Amino acid sequence: MAVMLKSRQEIAKLREAGRLVAQTFEVMRPYVKPGVTTLELDKIAEDYIRSKGAIPIYKGYGARAAFRGMPAVPPFPGTICISINEVVCHGIPSEKIKLKEGDIVGVDIGVLLDGWVGDSCVTYAVGEISPEAKKLMEVAKRCTELGIEEALANKRLGDIGAVIQEYAEAHGYSSVRELGGHGVGRSLHEDPHVSHFGKRGTGLRIRPGMVFTIEPMINQGTAQTRTLSDQWTVCTADNKLSAQFEHTIAITTGEPEILTVV
């Protein structure tokens, strides 16, 4: 594992890219409503990202073969990954899919700005959602917050995974295991891999200058998943709901800095 520590100047560049991602979420938020197609949301995001001189890094991305030994996949066709209800992640935007009242929809946005990556995910409620869906979203968001709080210099990556797993399971949910966070820099996927389950005191020691995502995918039922024939869309194995929140953070000598905020 070759973790590239980032300088203050490099983190400043990553902060700019992260801020653009956060701004894109703000632009999109009013359009996340019943009747809107996922392709319409994709176009809103792409137009805004390109208007700021950045590149949608997911569009055409197909380098999973180079990341943790995963198989090659077709190039991703969208600007955003948009994952509704039982879709865990990597949902493909479509003119045929319209948001419905009561849906929960995860929107994952990645940009390349001045050669540096920003990456984050937000799960939105579409109109009025069920109490069960609302609770899942609240727990998923808190899992991300707790994971970030554990990301302190001299702790270990297993501490992050453990606190996420413990909190999710205490509320009757599960944390997806085969997917996780990752280093961020000039490439979308760098070392280290950040699992969202694990044991305290295990794994790589966290050091100042590391930049990585924390992005737990929290399922209502089983942690097991299945991938659709498009080779991208990952769903829960039992078709129950999944929710995700993600931030890119920089490790400092004190509290971690969240880079994907306005």
C-alpha atoms as a PDB file:
ATOM      1  CA  MET A   1       0.000   0.000   0.000  1.00  0.00           C
ATOM      2  CA  ALA A   2       1.471   3.329  -1.092  1.00  0.00           C
ATOM      3  CA  VAL A   3      -0.355   6.141   0.684  1.00  0.00           C
ATOM      4  CA  MET A   4       0.554   9.552  -0.698  1.00  0.00           C
ATOM      5  CA  LEU A   5       0.620  12.204   2.021  1.00  0.00           C
ATOM      6  CA  LYS A   6      -0.559  15.599   0.846  1.00  0.00           C
ATOM      7  CA  SER A   7       1.128  18.937   1.523  1.00  0.00           C
ATOM      8  CA  ARG A   8      -0.761  21.976   2.786  1.00  0.00           C
ATOM      9  CA  GLN A   9      -0.722  23.395  -0.744  1.00  0.00           C
ATOM     10  CA  GLU A  10      -2.131  20.163  -2.180  1.00  0.00           C
ATOM     11  CA  ILE A  11      -4.833  20.015   0.484  1.00  0.00           C
ATOM     12  CA  ALA A  12      -5.777  23.572  -0.447  1.00  0.00           C
ATOM     13  CA  LYS A  13      -6.353  22.388  -4.031  1.00  0.00           C
ATOM     14  CA  LEU A  14      -8.399  19.428  -2.794  1.00  0.00           C
ATOM     15  CA  ARG A  15     -10.424  21.822  -0.653  1.00  0.00           C
ATOM     16  CA  GLU A  16     -11.327  23.863  -3.747  1.00  0.00           C
ATOM     17  CA  ALA A  17     -12.464  20.728  -5.579  1.00  0.00           C
ATOM     18  CA  GLY A  18     -14.438  19.584  -2.550  1.00  0.00           C
ATOM     19  CA  ARG A  19     -16.122  22.954  -2.234  1.00  0.00           C
ATOM     20  CA  LEU A  20     -17.292  22.728  -5.846  1.00  0.00           C
ATOM     21  CA  VAL A  21     -18.869  19.340  -5.118  1.00  0.00           C
ATOM     22  CA  ALA A  22     -20.699  20.825  -2.117  1.00  0.00           C
ATOM     23  CA  GLN A  23     -21.888  23.757  -4.221  1.00  0.00           C
ATOM     24  CA  THR A  24     -23.187  21.340  -6.866  1.00  0.00           C
ATOM     25  CA  PHE A  25     -25.322  19.623  -4.213  1.00  0.00           C
ATOM     26  CA  GLU A  26     -26.806  22.992  -3.263  1.00  0.00           C
ATOM     27  CA  VAL A  27     -27.630  23.743  -6.900  1.00  0.00           C
ATOM     28  CA  MET A  28     -29.291  20.340  -7.353  1.00  0.00           C
ATOM     29  CA  ARG A  29     -31.283  20.264  -4.121  1.00  0.00           C
ATOM     30  CA  PRO A  30     -34.387  22.213  -5.347  1.00  0.00           C
ATOM     31  CA  TYR A  31     -34.763  19.828  -8.298  1.00  0.00           C
ATOM     32  CA  VAL A  32     -34.883  16.639  -6.218  1.00  0.00           C
ATOM     33  CA  LYS A  33     -38.659  16.247  -6.293  1.00  0.00           C
ATOM     34  CA  PRO A  34     -41.321  13.898  -7.671  1.00  0.00           C
ATOM     35  CA  GLY A  35     -41.540  13.707 -11.460  1.00  0.00           C
ATOM     36  CA  VAL A  36     -37.936  14.687 -12.202  1.00  0.00           C
ATOM     37  CA  THR A  37     -35.935  12.123 -14.160  1.00  0.00           C
ATOM     38  CA  THR A  38     -32.549  11.042 -12.938  1.00  0.00           C
ATOM     39  CA  LEU A  39     -31.082  12.105 -16.289  1.00  0.00           C
ATOM     40  CA  GLU A  40     -32.418  15.643 -15.754  1.00  0.00           C
ATOM     41  CA  LEU A  41     -30.590  15.769 -12.418  1.00  0.00           C
ATOM     42  CA  ASP A  42     -27.469  14.488 -14.131  1.00  0.00           C
ATOM     43  CA  LYS A  43     -27.596  17.305 -16.694  1.00  0.00           C
ATOM     44  CA  ILE A  44     -28.083  19.950 -14.003  1.00  0.00           C
ATOM     45  CA  ALA A  45     -24.978  18.676 -12.224  1.00  0.00           C
ATOM     46  CA  GLU A  46     -22.881  18.408 -15.378  1.00  0.00           C
ATOM     47  CA  ASP A  47     -23.797  21.878 -16.625  1.00  0.00           C
ATOM     48  CA  TYR A  48     -22.889  23.445 -13.296  1.00  0.00           C
ATOM     49  CA  ILE A  49     -19.616  21.537 -12.884  1.00  0.00           C
ATOM     50  CA  ARG A  50     -18.451  22.421 -16.403  1.00  0.00           C
ATOM     51  CA  SER A  51     -19.499  26.060 -15.925  1.00  0.00           C
ATOM     52  CA  LYS A  52     -16.930  26.236 -13.123  1.00  0.00           C
ATOM     53  CA  GLY A  53     -14.127  24.937 -15.327  1.00  0.00           C
ATOM     54  CA  ALA A  54     -14.135  21.450 -13.830  1.00  0.00           C
ATOM     55  CA  ILE A  55     -14.603  17.969 -15.289  1.00  0.00           C
ATOM     56  CA  PRO A  56     -17.163  15.389 -14.090  1.00  0.00           C
ATOM     57  CA  ILE A  57     -14.707  12.670 -13.115  1.00  0.00           C
ATOM     58  CA  TYR A  58     -17.242   9.821 -13.076  1.00  0.00           C
ATOM     59  CA  LYS A  59     -18.219  10.343 -16.716  1.00  0.00           C
ATOM     60  CA  GLY A  60     -16.402   7.719 -18.748  1.00  0.00           C
ATOM     61  CA  TYR A  61     -14.798   6.249 -15.650  1.00  0.00           C
ATOM     62  CA  GLY A  62     -14.065   2.568 -16.026  1.00  0.00           C
ATOM     63  CA  ALA A  63     -10.833   2.017 -14.173  1.00  0.00           C
ATOM     64  CA  ARG A  64     -12.137  -0.252 -11.458  1.00  0.00           C
ATOM     65  CA  ALA A  65      -9.834  -2.942 -12.829  1.00  0.00           C
ATOM     66  CA  ALA A  66      -6.960  -0.903 -11.441  1.00  0.00           C
ATOM     67  CA  PHE A  67      -8.584  -0.454  -8.035  1.00  0.00           C
ATOM     68  CA  ARG A  68      -8.312  -3.277  -5.502  1.00  0.00           C
ATOM     69  CA  GLY A  69      -8.290  -5.953  -8.183  1.00  0.00           C
ATOM     70  CA  MET A  70     -11.894  -5.418  -9.233  1.00  0.00           C
ATOM     71  CA  PRO A  71     -12.961  -6.512 -12.719  1.00  0.00           C
ATOM     72  CA  ALA A  72     -13.048  -4.110 -15.636  1.00  0.00           C
ATOM     73  CA  VAL A  73     -16.412  -2.479 -16.295  1.00  0.00           C
ATOM     74  CA  PRO A  74     -17.910  -0.429 -19.145  1.00  0.00           C
ATOM     75  CA  PRO A  75     -17.257   3.330 -18.911  1.00  0.00           C
ATOM     76  CA  PHE A  76     -19.747   4.994 -16.573  1.00  0.00           C
ATOM     77  CA  PRO A  77     -22.143   7.070 -18.728  1.00  0.00           C
ATOM     78  CA  GLY A  78     -23.240   9.716 -16.220  1.00  0.00           C
ATOM     79  CA  THR A  79     -21.911  12.739 -14.398  1.00  0.00           C
ATOM     80  CA  ILE A  80     -23.434  11.587 -11.102  1.00  0.00           C
ATOM     81  CA  CYS A  81     -24.203   8.224  -9.559  1.00  0.00           C
ATOM     82  CA  ILE A  82     -27.854   8.294  -8.539  1.00  0.00           C
ATOM     83  CA  SER A  83     -29.123   5.470  -6.365  1.00  0.00           C
ATOM     84  CA  ILE A  84     -32.803   5.131  -5.440  1.00  0.00           C
ATOM     85  CA  ASN A  85     -34.208   3.123  -2.510  1.00  0.00           C
ATOM     86  CA  GLU A  86     -32.697  -0.390  -2.677  1.00  0.00           C
ATOM     87  CA  VAL A  87     -29.828   0.766  -4.914  1.00  0.00           C
ATOM     88  CA  VAL A  88     -26.741   0.952  -2.726  1.00  0.00           C
ATOM     89  CA  CYS A  89     -24.472   2.868  -5.108  1.00  0.00           C
ATOM     90  CA  HIS A  90     -23.401   3.466  -8.733  1.00  0.00           C
ATOM     91  CA  GLY A  91     -26.920   3.919 -10.091  1.00  0.00           C
ATOM     92  CA  ILE A  92     -26.861   5.101 -13.710  1.00  0.00           C
ATOM     93  CA  PRO A  93     -28.876   8.242 -14.641  1.00  0.00           C
ATOM     94  CA  SER A  94     -31.775   7.485 -16.992  1.00  0.00           C
ATOM     95  CA  GLU A  95     -34.459   9.387 -18.873  1.00  0.00           C
ATOM     96  CA  LYS A  96     -36.826   6.514 -18.025  1.00  0.00           C
ATOM     97  CA  ILE A  97     -36.520   6.734 -14.242  1.00  0.00           C
ATOM     98  CA  LYS A  98     -38.519   9.447 -12.470  1.00  0.00           C
ATOM     99  CA  LEU A  99     -38.319  10.252  -8.786  1.00  0.00           C
ATOM    100  CA  LYS A 100     -41.465   9.415  -6.812  1.00  0.00           C
ATOM    101  CA  GLU A 101     -42.913  10.738  -3.570  1.00  0.00           C
ATOM    102  CA  GLY A 102     -41.413   8.751  -0.710  1.00  0.00           C
ATOM    103  CA  ASP A 103     -38.192   7.752  -2.486  1.00  0.00           C
ATOM    104  CA  ILE A 104     -34.795   8.194  -0.917  1.00  0.00           C
ATOM    105  CA  VAL A 105     -32.095   8.922  -3.457  1.00  0.00           C
ATOM    106  CA  GLY A 106     -28.345   8.889  -2.994  1.00  0.00           C
ATOM    107  CA  VAL A 107     -26.455  11.302  -5.243  1.00  0.00           C
ATOM    108  CA  ASP A 108     -22.697  10.795  -5.527  1.00  0.00           C
ATOM    109  CA  ILE A 109     -20.700  13.569  -7.216  1.00  0.00           C
ATOM    110  CA  GLY A 110     -17.053  13.603  -8.264  1.00  0.00           C
ATOM    111  CA  VAL A 111     -15.176  16.425  -9.969  1.00  0.00           C
ATOM    112  CA  LEU A 112     -11.687  17.112 -11.241  1.00  0.00           C
ATOM    113  CA  LEU A 113     -10.746  20.764 -10.706  1.00  0.00           C
ATOM    114  CA  ASP A 114      -7.297  22.019 -11.661  1.00  0.00           C
ATOM    115  CA  GLY A 115      -6.059  18.437 -11.559  1.00  0.00           C
ATOM    116  CA  TRP A 116      -7.451  17.587  -8.103  1.00  0.00           C
ATOM    117  CA  VAL A 117     -10.457  15.467  -7.111  1.00  0.00           C
ATOM    118  CA  GLY A 118     -13.532  16.276  -5.032  1.00  0.00           C
ATOM    119  CA  ASP A 119     -15.843  13.408  -4.038  1.00  0.00           C
ATOM    120  CA  SER A 120     -18.957  13.319  -1.851  1.00  0.00           C
ATOM    121  CA  CYS A 121     -22.425  11.746  -1.540  1.00  0.00           C
ATOM    122  CA  VAL A 122     -25.731  12.939  -0.084  1.00  0.00           C
ATOM    123  CA  THR A 123     -28.966  10.988   0.322  1.00  0.00           C
ATOM    124  CA  TYR A 124     -32.057  13.124  -0.294  1.00  0.00           C
ATOM    125  CA  ALA A 125     -35.645  12.537   0.739  1.00  0.00           C
ATOM    126  CA  VAL A 126     -38.096  12.957  -2.156  1.00  0.00           C
ATOM    127  CA  GLY A 127     -41.161  14.667  -0.697  1.00  0.00           C
ATOM    128  CA  GLU A 128     -42.584  12.999   2.403  1.00  0.00           C
ATOM    129  CA  ILE A 129     -40.839   9.746   3.274  1.00  0.00           C
ATOM    130  CA  SER A 130     -41.748   6.960   5.676  1.00  0.00           C
ATOM    131  CA  PRO A 131     -40.556   7.013   9.304  1.00  0.00           C
ATOM    132  CA  GLU A 132     -38.505   3.900   8.523  1.00  0.00           C
ATOM    133  CA  ALA A 133     -36.713   5.609   5.647  1.00  0.00           C
ATOM    134  CA  LYS A 134     -36.132   8.734   7.725  1.00  0.00           C
ATOM    135  CA  LYS A 135     -34.573   6.711  10.554  1.00  0.00           C
ATOM    136  CA  LEU A 136     -32.278   4.907   8.102  1.00  0.00           C
ATOM    137  CA  MET A 137     -31.091   8.215   6.656  1.00  0.00           C
ATOM    138  CA  GLU A 138     -30.451   9.637  10.127  1.00  0.00           C
ATOM    139  CA  VAL A 139     -28.414   6.604  11.163  1.00  0.00           C
ATOM    140  CA  ALA A 140     -26.437   6.600   7.897  1.00  0.00           C
ATOM    141  CA  LYS A 141     -25.572  10.273   8.326  1.00  0.00           C
ATOM    142  CA  ARG A 142     -24.538   9.729  11.935  1.00  0.00           C
ATOM    143  CA  CYS A 143     -22.364   6.770  10.917  1.00  0.00           C
ATOM    144  CA  THR A 144     -20.451   9.091   8.589  1.00  0.00           C
ATOM    145  CA  GLU A 145     -20.093  11.730  11.302  1.00  0.00           C
ATOM    146  CA  LEU A 146     -18.827   9.173  13.824  1.00  0.00           C
ATOM    147  CA  GLY A 147     -16.363   7.779  11.308  1.00  0.00           C
ATOM    148  CA  ILE A 148     -14.990  11.271  10.698  1.00  0.00           C
ATOM    149  CA  GLU A 149     -14.659  11.890  14.442  1.00  0.00           C
ATOM    150  CA  GLU A 150     -12.503   8.739  14.704  1.00  0.00           C
ATOM    151  CA  ALA A 151     -10.166   9.866  11.916  1.00  0.00           C
ATOM    152  CA  LEU A 152      -7.440  11.225  14.147  1.00  0.00           C
ATOM    153  CA  ALA A 153      -3.686  11.046  13.703  1.00  0.00           C
ATOM    154  CA  ASN A 154      -2.113   7.977  15.362  1.00  0.00           C
ATOM    155  CA  LYS A 155      -5.405   6.071  15.489  1.00  0.00           C
ATOM    156  CA  ARG A 156      -5.963   3.229  13.024  1.00  0.00           C
ATOM    157  CA  LEU A 157      -8.303   2.740  10.081  1.00  0.00           C
ATOM    158  CA  GLY A 158      -9.976  -0.116  11.950  1.00  0.00           C
ATOM    159  CA  ASP A 159     -11.180   2.408  14.539  1.00  0.00           C
ATOM    160  CA  ILE A 160     -13.206   4.136  11.814  1.00  0.00           C
ATOM    161  CA  GLY A 161     -14.753   0.910  10.572  1.00  0.00           C
ATOM    162  CA  ALA A 162     -15.526  -0.287  14.092  1.00  0.00           C
ATOM    163  CA  VAL A 163     -17.447   2.793  15.186  1.00  0.00           C
ATOM    164  CA  ILE A 164     -19.516   2.747  11.982  1.00  0.00           C
ATOM    165  CA  GLN A 165     -20.319  -0.951  12.290  1.00  0.00           C
ATOM    166  CA  GLU A 166     -21.163  -0.659  15.985  1.00  0.00           C
ATOM    167  CA  TYR A 167     -23.529   2.274  15.515  1.00  0.00           C
ATOM    168  CA  ALA A 168     -25.282   0.766  12.490  1.00  0.00           C
ATOM    169  CA  GLU A 169     -25.786  -2.614  14.115  1.00  0.00           C
ATOM    170  CA  ALA A 170     -26.953  -1.056  17.400  1.00  0.00           C
ATOM    171  CA  HIS A 171     -29.853   0.408  15.388  1.00  0.00           C
ATOM    172  CA  GLY A 172     -30.644  -2.855  13.613  1.00  0.00           C
ATOM    173  CA  TYR A 173     -28.901  -2.014  10.343  1.00  0.00           C
ATOM    174  CA  SER A 174     -25.866  -3.365   8.504  1.00  0.00           C
ATOM    175  CA  SER A 175     -22.839  -1.749   6.874  1.00  0.00           C
ATOM    176  CA  VAL A 176     -21.885  -2.870   3.355  1.00  0.00           C
ATOM    177  CA  ARG A 177     -18.538  -4.668   3.411  1.00  0.00           C
ATOM    178  CA  GLU A 178     -17.316  -5.111  -0.157  1.00  0.00           C
ATOM    179  CA  LEU A 179     -17.236  -1.365  -0.854  1.00  0.00           C
ATOM    180  CA  GLY A 180     -15.599   1.381   1.169  1.00  0.00           C
ATOM    181  CA  GLY A 181     -13.829   4.701   1.302  1.00  0.00           C
ATOM    182  CA  HIS A 182     -10.592   5.463  -0.527  1.00  0.00           C
ATOM    183  CA  GLY A 183      -7.745   7.871  -0.787  1.00  0.00           C
ATOM    184  CA  VAL A 184      -8.292  10.990  -2.898  1.00  0.00           C
ATOM    185  CA  GLY A 185      -5.779  13.187  -4.691  1.00  0.00           C
ATOM    186  CA  ARG A 186      -5.030  13.602  -8.359  1.00  0.00           C
ATOM    187  CA  SER A 187      -6.824  10.284  -8.881  1.00  0.00           C
ATOM    188  CA  LEU A 188     -10.323   9.341  -7.755  1.00  0.00           C
ATOM    189  CA  HIS A 189      -9.190   6.104  -6.133  1.00  0.00           C
ATOM    190  CA  GLU A 190      -5.924   6.060  -4.225  1.00  0.00           C
ATOM    191  CA  ASP A 191      -4.700   4.167  -1.177  1.00  0.00           C
ATOM    192  CA  PRO A 192      -5.748   3.624   1.524  1.00  0.00           C
ATOM    193  CA  HIS A 193      -8.944   1.594   1.324  1.00  0.00           C
ATOM    194  CA  VAL A 194     -11.216   2.532   4.249  1.00  0.00           C
ATOM    195  CA  SER A 195     -13.530  -0.249   5.395  1.00  0.00           C
ATOM    196  CA  HIS A 196     -16.797   0.627   7.126  1.00  0.00           C
ATOM    197  CA  PHE A 197     -16.614  -2.328   9.455  1.00  0.00           C
ATOM    198  CA  GLY A 198     -13.794  -3.734  11.530  1.00  0.00           C
ATOM    199  CA  LYS A 199     -12.030  -3.952  14.856  1.00  0.00           C
ATOM    200  CA  ARG A 200     -10.526  -1.161  16.893  1.00  0.00           C
ATOM    201  CA  GLY A 201      -6.761  -0.981  17.011  1.00  0.00           C
ATOM    202  CA  THR A 202      -6.300  -2.741  13.667  1.00  0.00           C
ATOM    203  CA  GLY A 203      -5.358  -1.552  10.209  1.00  0.00           C
ATOM    204  CA  LEU A 204      -3.111   1.174   8.891  1.00  0.00           C
ATOM    205  CA  ARG A 205      -2.054   3.915  11.288  1.00  0.00           C
ATOM    206  CA  ILE A 206      -3.629   7.283  10.401  1.00  0.00           C
ATOM    207  CA  ARG A 207      -1.106  10.053   9.675  1.00  0.00           C
ATOM    208  CA  PRO A 208      -1.336  13.811   9.055  1.00  0.00           C
ATOM    209  CA  GLY A 209      -1.458  14.510   5.329  1.00  0.00           C
ATOM    210  CA  MET A 210      -3.682  11.566   4.483  1.00  0.00           C
ATOM    211  CA  VAL A 211      -6.768  12.478   2.449  1.00  0.00           C
ATOM    212  CA  PHE A 212      -9.542   9.927   2.070  1.00  0.00           C
ATOM    213  CA  THR A 213     -13.290   9.477   1.940  1.00  0.00           C
ATOM    214  CA  ILE A 214     -15.582   8.102   4.607  1.00  0.00           C
ATOM    215  CA  GLU A 215     -18.740   6.886   2.898  1.00  0.00           C
ATOM    216  CA  PRO A 216     -20.622   4.123   4.738  1.00  0.00           C
ATOM    217  CA  MET A 217     -23.458   2.447   2.869  1.00  0.00           C
ATOM    218  CA  ILE A 218     -26.022   1.484   5.511  1.00  0.00           C
ATOM    219  CA  ASN A 219     -28.670  -1.130   4.723  1.00  0.00           C
ATOM    220  CA  GLN A 220     -32.027  -1.789   6.340  1.00  0.00           C
ATOM    221  CA  GLY A 221     -31.503  -5.534   6.091  1.00  0.00           C
ATOM    222  CA  THR A 222     -28.575  -7.685   5.084  1.00  0.00           C
ATOM    223  CA  ALA A 223     -25.167  -6.226   4.272  1.00  0.00           C
ATOM    224  CA  GLN A 224     -25.042  -8.432   1.196  1.00  0.00           C
ATOM    225  CA  THR A 225     -25.410  -6.853  -2.233  1.00  0.00           C
ATOM    226  CA  ARG A 226     -25.933  -7.835  -5.858  1.00  0.00           C
ATOM    227  CA  THR A 227     -24.720  -6.093  -9.010  1.00  0.00           C
ATOM    228  CA  LEU A 228     -27.076  -5.665 -11.983  1.00  0.00           C
ATOM    229  CA  SER A 229     -26.253  -6.689 -15.539  1.00  0.00           C
ATOM    230  CA  ASP A 230     -25.114  -3.137 -16.410  1.00  0.00           C
ATOM    231  CA  GLN A 231     -22.067  -4.025 -14.249  1.00  0.00           C
ATOM    232  CA  TRP A 232     -22.390  -0.782 -12.250  1.00  0.00           C
ATOM    233  CA  THR A 233     -25.639  -0.667 -10.288  1.00  0.00           C
ATOM    234  CA  VAL A 234     -25.241  -2.261  -6.847  1.00  0.00           C
ATOM    235  CA  CYS A 235     -28.452  -3.164  -4.974  1.00  0.00           C
ATOM    236  CA  THR A 236     -29.226  -4.690  -1.603  1.00  0.00           C
ATOM    237  CA  ALA A 237     -29.530  -8.478  -1.876  1.00  0.00           C
ATOM    238  CA  ASP A 238     -32.917  -8.413  -0.098  1.00  0.00           C
ATOM    239  CA  ASN A 239     -34.278  -5.297  -1.902  1.00  0.00           C
ATOM    240  CA  LYS A 240     -34.514  -3.332   1.347  1.00  0.00           C
ATOM    241  CA  LEU A 241     -33.508   0.319   1.541  1.00  0.00           C
ATOM    242  CA  SER A 242     -29.948   1.613   1.627  1.00  0.00           C
ATOM    243  CA  ALA A 243     -28.662   5.114   2.448  1.00  0.00           C
ATOM    244  CA  GLN A 244     -25.247   6.738   2.118  1.00  0.00           C
ATOM    245  CA  PHE A 245     -23.472   9.934   3.070  1.00  0.00           C
ATOM    246  CA  GLU A 246     -19.875  10.676   2.135  1.00  0.00           C
ATOM    247  CA  HIS A 247     -17.240  13.305   2.785  1.00  0.00           C
ATOM    248  CA  THR A 248     -13.632  13.676   1.755  1.00  0.00           C
ATOM    249  CA  ILE A 249     -11.453  14.536   4.765  1.00  0.00           C
ATOM    250  CA  ALA A 250      -7.869  15.620   5.368  1.00  0.00           C
ATOM    251  CA  ILE A 251      -6.007  14.322   8.414  1.00  0.00           C
ATOM    252  CA  THR A 252      -4.318  17.020  10.486  1.00  0.00           C
ATOM    253  CA  THR A 253      -2.475  17.077  13.814  1.00  0.00           C
ATOM    254  CA  GLY A 254      -5.834  17.929  15.401  1.00  0.00           C
ATOM    255  CA  GLU A 255      -9.404  17.359  14.248  1.00  0.00           C
ATOM    256  CA  PRO A 256      -9.884  16.068  10.693  1.00  0.00           C
ATOM    257  CA  GLU A 257     -10.881  18.692   8.130  1.00  0.00           C
ATOM    258  CA  ILE A 258     -13.931  18.016   5.995  1.00  0.00           C
ATOM    259  CA  LEU A 259     -13.027  19.180   2.499  1.00  0.00           C
ATOM    260  CA  THR A 260     -16.403  18.653   0.787  1.00  0.00           C
ATOM    261  CA  VAL A 261     -18.279  21.573   2.367  1.00  0.00           C
ATOM    262  CA  VAL A 262     -19.111  25.053   1.110  1.00  0.00           C
END
